Amino acid sequence: MTASMGSRKRKAGEGARRRVAPGPQAARRNNLKPLPIVDDRPSWLKSIMGIQTAISGVTLLMVATTLGVYGWSVNSQQRWGENYRRLETLRRNERQLIAGTEAMKTQHPPKPPTPSSWASKPKNLKTPSSSSPPPPRPIPNHQTPLPATPPASPLGY
């Protein structure tokens, strides 16, 4: 036999030391019978413990519901604040567009069509008309001043 095979073999005394013969303890383990569970607590204590278990379940449910409602309210406040800022931006843009439109109306009033303009065409389209354009009018300031800071939006809890 080679040296490696000899090291794989166990020595005669080695296996006997590791193995434990079934002794009296093992025999006792197999023969033991579980004791009957005797619940000698009074009925009033059992009912109080049952109530405690039920209340613990209800409390857990209420905590979960409270956290859900709180998360929903914080989320809805954030969305409300974002939408409110967007609304204020749209209102400001609307005021600016209205002011610009009014300024253009006062600067270039619309000319009513005349019957003579319907039938006549300019003779030479390349040459500008002999009349010069009117001088530009100052833009009236009908715009309300914008607030320097945005209005206070609601804060979270």
N, C-alpha and C. Protein backbone atom coordinates (compact mmCIF):
# COMPACT_ATOMS: atom_id res chain seq x y z
N MET A 1 0.83 -1.17 0.00
CA MET A 1 0.00 0.00 0.00
C MET A 1 0.88 1.24 0.00
N THR A 2 0.34 2.32 -0.52
CA THR A 2 1.11 3.56 -0.56
C THR A 2 0.90 4.33 0.72
N ALA A 3 1.68 5.39 0.86
CA ALA A 3 1.61 6.18 2.08
C ALA A 3 0.29 6.95 2.17
N SER A 4 -0.23 7.37 1.01
CA SER A 4 -1.48 8.13 1.05
C SER A 4 -2.65 7.24 1.45
N MET A 5 -2.65 6.00 1.04
CA MET A 5 -3.72 5.10 1.41
C MET A 5 -3.66 4.74 2.89
N GLY A 6 -2.45 4.69 3.40
CA GLY A 6 -2.30 4.35 4.80
C GLY A 6 -2.81 5.47 5.69
N SER A 7 -2.68 6.73 5.23
CA SER A 7 -3.16 7.85 6.04
C SER A 7 -4.67 7.93 6.01
N ARG A 8 -5.29 7.35 4.98
CA ARG A 8 -6.73 7.37 4.90
C ARG A 8 -7.36 6.36 5.85
N LYS A 9 -6.66 5.31 6.14
CA LYS A 9 -7.21 4.30 7.04
C LYS A 9 -7.22 4.82 8.46
N ARG A 10 -8.23 4.41 9.18
CA ARG A 10 -8.30 4.81 10.57
C ARG A 10 -7.54 3.81 11.41
N LYS A 11 -7.05 4.35 12.46
CA LYS A 11 -6.38 3.47 13.40
C LYS A 11 -7.43 2.73 14.19
N ALA A 12 -7.08 1.66 14.73
CA ALA A 12 -8.05 0.81 15.41
C ALA A 12 -8.69 1.50 16.60
N GLY A 13 -7.94 2.21 17.38
CA GLY A 13 -8.48 2.84 18.58
C GLY A 13 -9.18 4.16 18.28
N GLU A 14 -8.92 4.76 17.13
CA GLU A 14 -9.46 6.08 16.81
C GLU A 14 -10.97 6.06 16.64
N GLY A 15 -11.48 5.10 15.92
CA GLY A 15 -12.91 5.02 15.69
C GLY A 15 -13.68 4.71 16.95
N ALA A 16 -13.07 3.95 17.81
CA ALA A 16 -13.77 3.58 19.04
C ALA A 16 -13.89 4.77 19.97
N ARG A 17 -12.95 5.68 19.91
CA ARG A 17 -13.03 6.85 20.79
C ARG A 17 -14.11 7.83 20.35
N ARG A 18 -14.36 7.90 19.09
CA ARG A 18 -15.34 8.86 18.59
C ARG A 18 -16.76 8.34 18.70
N ARG A 19 -16.96 7.13 18.59
CA ARG A 19 -18.30 6.56 18.67
C ARG A 19 -18.69 6.37 20.13
N VAL A 20 -19.94 6.73 20.39
CA VAL A 20 -20.44 6.56 21.75
C VAL A 20 -21.51 5.50 21.71
N ALA A 21 -21.32 4.52 22.52
CA ALA A 21 -22.29 3.43 22.58
C ALA A 21 -23.54 3.93 23.27
N PRO A 22 -24.71 3.45 22.83
CA PRO A 22 -25.93 3.88 23.52
C PRO A 22 -25.88 3.46 24.97
N GLY A 23 -26.02 4.47 25.79
CA GLY A 23 -25.94 4.21 27.21
C GLY A 23 -27.29 4.37 27.87
N PRO A 24 -27.31 4.52 29.14
CA PRO A 24 -28.58 4.64 29.85
C PRO A 24 -29.31 5.94 29.52
N GLN A 25 -28.57 7.02 29.16
CA GLN A 25 -29.24 8.29 28.84
C GLN A 25 -30.07 8.17 27.56
N ALA A 26 -29.50 7.52 26.54
CA ALA A 26 -30.24 7.36 25.29
C ALA A 26 -31.47 6.50 25.51
N ALA A 27 -31.36 5.50 26.32
CA ALA A 27 -32.51 4.65 26.60
C ALA A 27 -33.59 5.44 27.32
N ARG A 28 -33.20 6.32 28.20
CA ARG A 28 -34.18 7.14 28.92
C ARG A 28 -34.88 8.12 27.98
N ARG A 29 -34.16 8.68 27.02
CA ARG A 29 -34.76 9.63 26.08
C ARG A 29 -35.87 8.97 25.27
N ASN A 30 -35.65 7.77 24.87
CA ASN A 30 -36.64 7.08 24.05
C ASN A 30 -37.86 6.66 24.87
N ASN A 31 -37.71 6.47 26.14
CA ASN A 31 -38.81 6.01 26.98
C ASN A 31 -39.60 7.15 27.60
N LEU A 32 -39.14 8.41 27.47
CA LEU A 32 -39.83 9.53 28.10
C LEU A 32 -41.11 9.86 27.34
N LYS A 33 -42.14 10.09 28.08
CA LYS A 33 -43.41 10.51 27.50
C LYS A 33 -43.64 11.96 27.91
N PRO A 34 -44.16 12.79 26.99
CA PRO A 34 -44.40 14.18 27.36
C PRO A 34 -45.46 14.27 28.44
N LEU A 35 -45.26 15.21 29.32
CA LEU A 35 -46.23 15.43 30.38
C LEU A 35 -47.46 16.13 29.80
N PRO A 36 -48.61 15.83 30.29
CA PRO A 36 -49.81 16.52 29.80
C PRO A 36 -49.75 17.98 30.22
N ILE A 37 -50.20 18.84 29.32
CA ILE A 37 -50.20 20.28 29.60
C ILE A 37 -51.44 20.58 30.43
N VAL A 38 -51.17 21.01 31.60
CA VAL A 38 -52.26 21.35 32.50
C VAL A 38 -52.31 22.87 32.60
N ASP A 39 -53.43 23.45 32.21
CA ASP A 39 -53.57 24.89 32.28
C ASP A 39 -54.39 25.20 33.52
N ASP A 40 -53.68 25.49 34.58
CA ASP A 40 -54.37 25.71 35.83
C ASP A 40 -54.56 27.21 36.12
N ARG A 41 -54.56 28.01 35.07
CA ARG A 41 -54.80 29.44 35.27
C ARG A 41 -56.29 29.67 35.46
N PRO A 42 -56.64 30.65 36.25
CA PRO A 42 -58.07 30.92 36.46
C PRO A 42 -58.72 31.46 35.18
N SER A 43 -59.99 31.31 35.07
CA SER A 43 -60.71 31.73 33.86
C SER A 43 -60.66 33.23 33.66
N TRP A 44 -60.67 34.01 34.72
CA TRP A 44 -60.61 35.46 34.57
C TRP A 44 -59.26 35.88 33.99
N LEU A 45 -58.17 35.15 34.34
CA LEU A 45 -56.86 35.47 33.78
C LEU A 45 -56.79 35.10 32.30
N LYS A 46 -57.42 33.97 31.96
CA LYS A 46 -57.46 33.55 30.55
C LYS A 46 -58.23 34.59 29.72
N SER A 47 -59.33 35.09 30.25
CA SER A 47 -60.12 36.07 29.49
C SER A 47 -59.36 37.38 29.34
N ILE A 48 -58.64 37.79 30.39
CA ILE A 48 -57.85 39.03 30.28
C ILE A 48 -56.73 38.86 29.26
N MET A 49 -56.11 37.69 29.23
CA MET A 49 -55.04 37.45 28.24
C MET A 49 -55.60 37.43 26.82
N GLY A 50 -56.79 36.90 26.66
CA GLY A 50 -57.44 36.92 25.34
C GLY A 50 -57.76 38.34 24.90
N ILE A 51 -58.24 39.14 25.83
CA ILE A 51 -58.54 40.54 25.53
C ILE A 51 -57.25 41.28 25.16
N GLN A 52 -56.17 41.00 25.86
CA GLN A 52 -54.88 41.64 25.57
C GLN A 52 -54.41 41.29 24.17
N THR A 53 -54.56 40.03 23.78
CA THR A 53 -54.16 39.60 22.44
C THR A 53 -55.00 40.32 21.37
N ALA A 54 -56.29 40.42 21.61
CA ALA A 54 -57.16 41.10 20.64
C ALA A 54 -56.83 42.57 20.54
N ILE A 55 -56.59 43.21 21.68
CA ILE A 55 -56.26 44.64 21.67
C ILE A 55 -54.92 44.87 20.98
N SER A 56 -53.97 43.95 21.15
CA SER A 56 -52.67 44.10 20.47
C SER A 56 -52.86 44.05 18.95
N GLY A 57 -53.72 43.16 18.48
CA GLY A 57 -53.99 43.09 17.04
C GLY A 57 -54.65 44.35 16.52
N VAL A 58 -55.63 44.85 17.27
CA VAL A 58 -56.32 46.08 16.87
C VAL A 58 -55.35 47.26 16.87
N THR A 59 -54.47 47.32 17.87
CA THR A 59 -53.49 48.40 17.95
C THR A 59 -52.54 48.36 16.76
N LEU A 60 -52.09 47.17 16.40
CA LEU A 60 -51.21 47.05 15.24
C LEU A 60 -51.92 47.52 13.97
N LEU A 61 -53.17 47.15 13.82
CA LEU A 61 -53.94 47.58 12.66
C LEU A 61 -54.12 49.10 12.64
N MET A 62 -54.37 49.69 13.80
CA MET A 62 -54.55 51.15 13.87
C MET A 62 -53.24 51.89 13.57
N VAL A 63 -52.12 51.36 14.05
CA VAL A 63 -50.82 52.00 13.75
C VAL A 63 -50.55 51.95 12.25
N ALA A 64 -50.80 50.80 11.63
CA ALA A 64 -50.58 50.68 10.18
C ALA A 64 -51.48 51.65 9.41
N THR A 65 -52.75 51.76 9.84
CA THR A 65 -53.67 52.68 9.18
C THR A 65 -53.23 54.13 9.37
N THR A 66 -52.78 54.46 10.56
CA THR A 66 -52.34 55.83 10.84
C THR A 66 -51.13 56.19 9.97
N LEU A 67 -50.19 55.27 9.86
CA LEU A 67 -49.02 55.54 9.01
C LEU A 67 -49.42 55.70 7.55
N GLY A 68 -50.37 54.91 7.10
CA GLY A 68 -50.84 55.05 5.72
C GLY A 68 -51.51 56.39 5.48
N VAL A 69 -52.36 56.80 6.40
CA VAL A 69 -53.06 58.10 6.25
C VAL A 69 -52.05 59.24 6.32
N TYR A 70 -51.07 59.13 7.21
CA TYR A 70 -50.05 60.19 7.32
C TYR A 70 -49.25 60.29 6.02
N GLY A 71 -48.83 59.16 5.49
CA GLY A 71 -48.09 59.18 4.22
C GLY A 71 -48.92 59.77 3.10
N TRP A 72 -50.20 59.41 3.05
CA TRP A 72 -51.07 59.96 2.01
C TRP A 72 -51.22 61.47 2.16
N SER A 73 -51.38 61.95 3.41
CA SER A 73 -51.57 63.39 3.60
C SER A 73 -50.30 64.17 3.24
N VAL A 74 -49.14 63.65 3.59
CA VAL A 74 -47.89 64.34 3.22
C VAL A 74 -47.74 64.36 1.71
N ASN A 75 -48.02 63.24 1.07
CA ASN A 75 -47.89 63.17 -0.38
C ASN A 75 -48.88 64.12 -1.06
N SER A 76 -50.11 64.17 -0.57
CA SER A 76 -51.10 65.06 -1.19
C SER A 76 -50.74 66.53 -0.96
N GLN A 77 -50.16 66.86 0.18
CA GLN A 77 -49.72 68.25 0.41
C GLN A 77 -48.60 68.62 -0.56
N GLN A 78 -47.68 67.71 -0.80
CA GLN A 78 -46.60 68.01 -1.74
C GLN A 78 -47.16 68.22 -3.14
N ARG A 79 -48.06 67.32 -3.56
CA ARG A 79 -48.65 67.48 -4.90
C ARG A 79 -49.45 68.77 -4.98
N TRP A 80 -50.18 69.12 -3.91
CA TRP A 80 -50.96 70.35 -3.90
C TRP A 80 -50.03 71.55 -4.04
N GLY A 81 -48.91 71.55 -3.31
CA GLY A 81 -47.97 72.66 -3.39
C GLY A 81 -47.38 72.82 -4.79
N GLU A 82 -47.03 71.68 -5.41
CA GLU A 82 -46.48 71.75 -6.77
C GLU A 82 -47.53 72.29 -7.75
N ASN A 83 -48.75 71.80 -7.63
CA ASN A 83 -49.81 72.27 -8.53
C ASN A 83 -50.15 73.73 -8.26
N TYR A 84 -50.08 74.17 -7.02
CA TYR A 84 -50.35 75.58 -6.70
C TYR A 84 -49.28 76.47 -7.33
N ARG A 85 -48.01 76.07 -7.23
CA ARG A 85 -46.94 76.86 -7.88
C ARG A 85 -47.15 76.90 -9.39
N ARG A 86 -47.56 75.78 -9.97
CA ARG A 86 -47.81 75.75 -11.42
C ARG A 86 -48.97 76.68 -11.76
N LEU A 87 -50.01 76.68 -10.94
CA LEU A 87 -51.15 77.57 -11.17
C LEU A 87 -50.73 79.03 -11.09
N GLU A 88 -49.93 79.39 -10.11
CA GLU A 88 -49.46 80.77 -9.99
C GLU A 88 -48.61 81.17 -11.20
N THR A 89 -47.79 80.26 -11.70
CA THR A 89 -46.99 80.54 -12.90
C THR A 89 -47.91 80.77 -14.09
N LEU A 90 -48.93 79.94 -14.23
CA LEU A 90 -49.87 80.12 -15.35
C LEU A 90 -50.64 81.43 -15.23
N ARG A 91 -51.03 81.80 -14.03
CA ARG A 91 -51.71 83.08 -13.85
C ARG A 91 -50.82 84.25 -14.21
N ARG A 92 -49.54 84.19 -13.78
CA ARG A 92 -48.60 85.26 -14.10
C ARG A 92 -48.40 85.34 -15.61
N ASN A 93 -48.24 84.19 -16.27
CA ASN A 93 -48.09 84.18 -17.73
C ASN A 93 -49.33 84.73 -18.42
N GLU A 94 -50.51 84.39 -17.88
CA GLU A 94 -51.74 84.90 -18.47
C GLU A 94 -51.81 86.42 -18.35
N ARG A 95 -51.44 86.96 -17.19
CA ARG A 95 -51.45 88.43 -17.03
C ARG A 95 -50.47 89.08 -18.00
N GLN A 96 -49.30 88.47 -18.18
CA GLN A 96 -48.33 89.04 -19.11
C GLN A 96 -48.84 88.98 -20.55
N LEU A 97 -49.49 87.88 -20.92
CA LEU A 97 -50.03 87.78 -22.28
C LEU A 97 -51.16 88.78 -22.51
N ILE A 98 -52.00 88.94 -21.52
CA ILE A 98 -53.09 89.92 -21.66
C ILE A 98 -52.52 91.32 -21.80
N ALA A 99 -51.52 91.64 -20.98
CA ALA A 99 -50.91 92.98 -21.07
C ALA A 99 -50.25 93.17 -22.43
N GLY A 100 -49.58 92.14 -22.92
CA GLY A 100 -48.95 92.25 -24.24
C GLY A 100 -49.96 92.39 -25.35
N THR A 101 -51.05 91.66 -25.26
CA THR A 101 -52.11 91.75 -26.27
C THR A 101 -52.74 93.14 -26.27
N GLU A 102 -53.01 93.66 -25.09
CA GLU A 102 -53.58 95.00 -25.00
C GLU A 102 -52.61 96.05 -25.54
N ALA A 103 -51.34 95.86 -25.26
CA ALA A 103 -50.35 96.81 -25.79
C ALA A 103 -50.31 96.77 -27.31
N MET A 104 -50.42 95.58 -27.86
CA MET A 104 -50.41 95.48 -29.33
C MET A 104 -51.68 96.08 -29.92
N LYS A 105 -52.80 95.94 -29.22
CA LYS A 105 -54.04 96.51 -29.73
C LYS A 105 -53.98 98.03 -29.73
N THR A 106 -53.39 98.62 -28.69
CA THR A 106 -53.31 100.08 -28.65
C THR A 106 -52.25 100.59 -29.61
N GLN A 107 -51.23 99.78 -29.86
CA GLN A 107 -50.16 100.22 -30.75
C GLN A 107 -50.61 100.13 -32.21
N HIS A 108 -51.29 99.08 -32.59
CA HIS A 108 -51.75 98.88 -33.96
C HIS A 108 -53.25 98.61 -33.93
N PRO A 109 -54.06 99.66 -33.92
CA PRO A 109 -55.51 99.41 -33.91
C PRO A 109 -55.94 98.80 -35.24
N PRO A 110 -56.88 97.93 -35.21
CA PRO A 110 -57.33 97.31 -36.48
C PRO A 110 -58.06 98.34 -37.34
N LYS A 111 -57.80 98.26 -38.63
CA LYS A 111 -58.46 99.17 -39.56
C LYS A 111 -59.69 98.48 -40.12
N PRO A 112 -60.80 99.19 -40.11
CA PRO A 112 -61.99 98.56 -40.70
C PRO A 112 -61.85 98.53 -42.21
N PRO A 113 -62.29 97.48 -42.83
CA PRO A 113 -62.18 97.43 -44.31
C PRO A 113 -63.14 98.41 -44.96
N THR A 114 -62.66 99.01 -46.02
CA THR A 114 -63.50 99.95 -46.78
C THR A 114 -63.86 99.30 -48.10
N PRO A 115 -64.96 99.66 -48.65
CA PRO A 115 -65.35 99.06 -49.94
C PRO A 115 -64.34 99.36 -51.04
N SER A 116 -63.70 100.51 -51.01
CA SER A 116 -62.74 100.82 -52.07
C SER A 116 -61.50 99.92 -51.95
N SER A 117 -61.14 99.47 -50.74
CA SER A 117 -59.96 98.62 -50.59
C SER A 117 -60.24 97.21 -51.08
N TRP A 118 -61.51 96.85 -51.18
CA TRP A 118 -61.82 95.50 -51.66
C TRP A 118 -61.54 95.38 -53.15
N ALA A 119 -61.86 96.41 -53.89
CA ALA A 119 -61.75 96.33 -55.34
C ALA A 119 -60.38 96.76 -55.85
N SER A 120 -59.69 97.58 -55.13
CA SER A 120 -58.43 98.10 -55.67
C SER A 120 -57.25 97.28 -55.14
N LYS A 121 -56.25 97.14 -55.99
CA LYS A 121 -55.02 96.47 -55.61
C LYS A 121 -53.90 97.48 -55.77
N PRO A 122 -52.86 97.35 -55.00
CA PRO A 122 -51.74 98.27 -55.20
C PRO A 122 -51.13 98.02 -56.59
N LYS A 123 -50.70 99.10 -57.22
CA LYS A 123 -50.16 98.98 -58.57
C LYS A 123 -48.80 98.32 -58.56
N ASN A 124 -47.94 98.71 -57.67
CA ASN A 124 -46.59 98.16 -57.63
C ASN A 124 -46.35 97.65 -56.20
N LEU A 125 -46.23 96.35 -56.06
CA LEU A 125 -46.06 95.77 -54.74
C LEU A 125 -44.64 95.95 -54.21
N LYS A 126 -43.67 96.24 -55.10
CA LYS A 126 -42.29 96.35 -54.66
C LYS A 126 -42.01 97.69 -53.98
N THR A 127 -42.71 98.71 -54.31
CA THR A 127 -42.45 100.02 -53.71
C THR A 127 -43.33 100.20 -52.49
N PRO A 128 -42.76 100.70 -51.42
CA PRO A 128 -43.59 100.90 -50.23
C PRO A 128 -44.57 102.05 -50.46
N SER A 129 -45.57 102.07 -49.66
CA SER A 129 -46.57 103.12 -49.80
C SER A 129 -45.94 104.47 -49.46
N SER A 130 -46.51 105.49 -49.96
CA SER A 130 -45.92 106.82 -49.79
C SER A 130 -46.02 107.32 -48.35
N SER A 131 -46.99 106.80 -47.61
CA SER A 131 -47.12 107.29 -46.24
C SER A 131 -46.15 106.53 -45.34
N SER A 132 -45.54 107.23 -44.44
CA SER A 132 -44.59 106.60 -43.52
C SER A 132 -45.37 106.03 -42.33
N PRO A 133 -44.83 105.01 -41.68
CA PRO A 133 -45.56 104.43 -40.54
C PRO A 133 -45.61 105.42 -39.39
N PRO A 134 -46.65 105.36 -38.59
CA PRO A 134 -46.77 106.30 -37.48
C PRO A 134 -45.67 106.01 -36.44
N PRO A 135 -45.31 107.03 -35.68
CA PRO A 135 -44.28 106.79 -34.66
C PRO A 135 -44.81 105.82 -33.60
N PRO A 136 -43.94 105.04 -33.01
CA PRO A 136 -44.41 104.06 -32.02
C PRO A 136 -44.97 104.76 -30.78
N ARG A 137 -46.03 104.22 -30.30
CA ARG A 137 -46.67 104.77 -29.11
C ARG A 137 -46.06 104.12 -27.87
N PRO A 138 -46.06 104.84 -26.77
CA PRO A 138 -45.56 104.22 -25.55
C PRO A 138 -46.53 103.12 -25.08
N ILE A 139 -45.99 102.08 -24.53
CA ILE A 139 -46.81 100.96 -24.06
C ILE A 139 -47.41 101.35 -22.71
N PRO A 140 -48.74 101.33 -22.64
CA PRO A 140 -49.36 101.66 -21.34
C PRO A 140 -49.06 100.54 -20.34
N ASN A 141 -48.89 100.95 -19.13
CA ASN A 141 -48.57 99.99 -18.08
C ASN A 141 -49.84 99.70 -17.28
N HIS A 142 -50.64 98.75 -17.80
CA HIS A 142 -51.87 98.34 -17.13
C HIS A 142 -51.63 97.13 -16.25
N GLN A 143 -50.41 96.70 -16.25
CA GLN A 143 -50.08 95.47 -15.54
C GLN A 143 -49.95 95.75 -14.04
N THR A 144 -50.50 94.86 -13.26
CA THR A 144 -50.35 94.99 -11.81
C THR A 144 -48.95 94.51 -11.43
N PRO A 145 -48.34 95.16 -10.46
CA PRO A 145 -46.99 94.73 -10.11
C PRO A 145 -47.00 93.31 -9.54
N LEU A 146 -46.02 92.52 -9.94
CA LEU A 146 -45.91 91.15 -9.46
C LEU A 146 -45.27 91.15 -8.08
N PRO A 147 -45.70 90.27 -7.21
CA PRO A 147 -45.08 90.22 -5.88
C PRO A 147 -43.62 89.76 -6.00
N ALA A 148 -42.79 90.32 -5.15
CA ALA A 148 -41.37 89.98 -5.19
C ALA A 148 -41.14 88.55 -4.75
N THR A 149 -41.89 88.10 -3.78
CA THR A 149 -41.75 86.72 -3.32
C THR A 149 -43.04 85.99 -3.60
N PRO A 150 -42.97 84.70 -3.89
CA PRO A 150 -44.20 83.96 -4.14
C PRO A 150 -45.01 83.87 -2.86
N PRO A 151 -46.33 83.75 -3.00
CA PRO A 151 -47.16 83.66 -1.79
C PRO A 151 -46.79 82.42 -0.99
N ALA A 152 -47.00 82.52 0.28
CA ALA A 152 -46.63 81.42 1.17
C ALA A 152 -47.47 80.20 0.85
N SER A 153 -46.81 79.10 0.58
CA SER A 153 -47.52 77.85 0.32
C SER A 153 -47.55 77.06 1.63
N PRO A 154 -48.51 76.20 1.79
CA PRO A 154 -48.62 75.47 3.04
C PRO A 154 -47.42 74.56 3.25
N LEU A 155 -47.01 74.47 4.49
CA LEU A 155 -45.90 73.62 4.83
C LEU A 155 -46.42 72.29 5.36
N GLY A 156 -45.59 71.27 5.31
CA GLY A 156 -45.99 69.96 5.83
C GLY A 156 -45.99 69.96 7.34
N TYR A 157 -46.43 68.91 7.90
CA TYR A 157 -46.49 68.81 9.36
C TYR A 157 -45.13 68.62 9.93
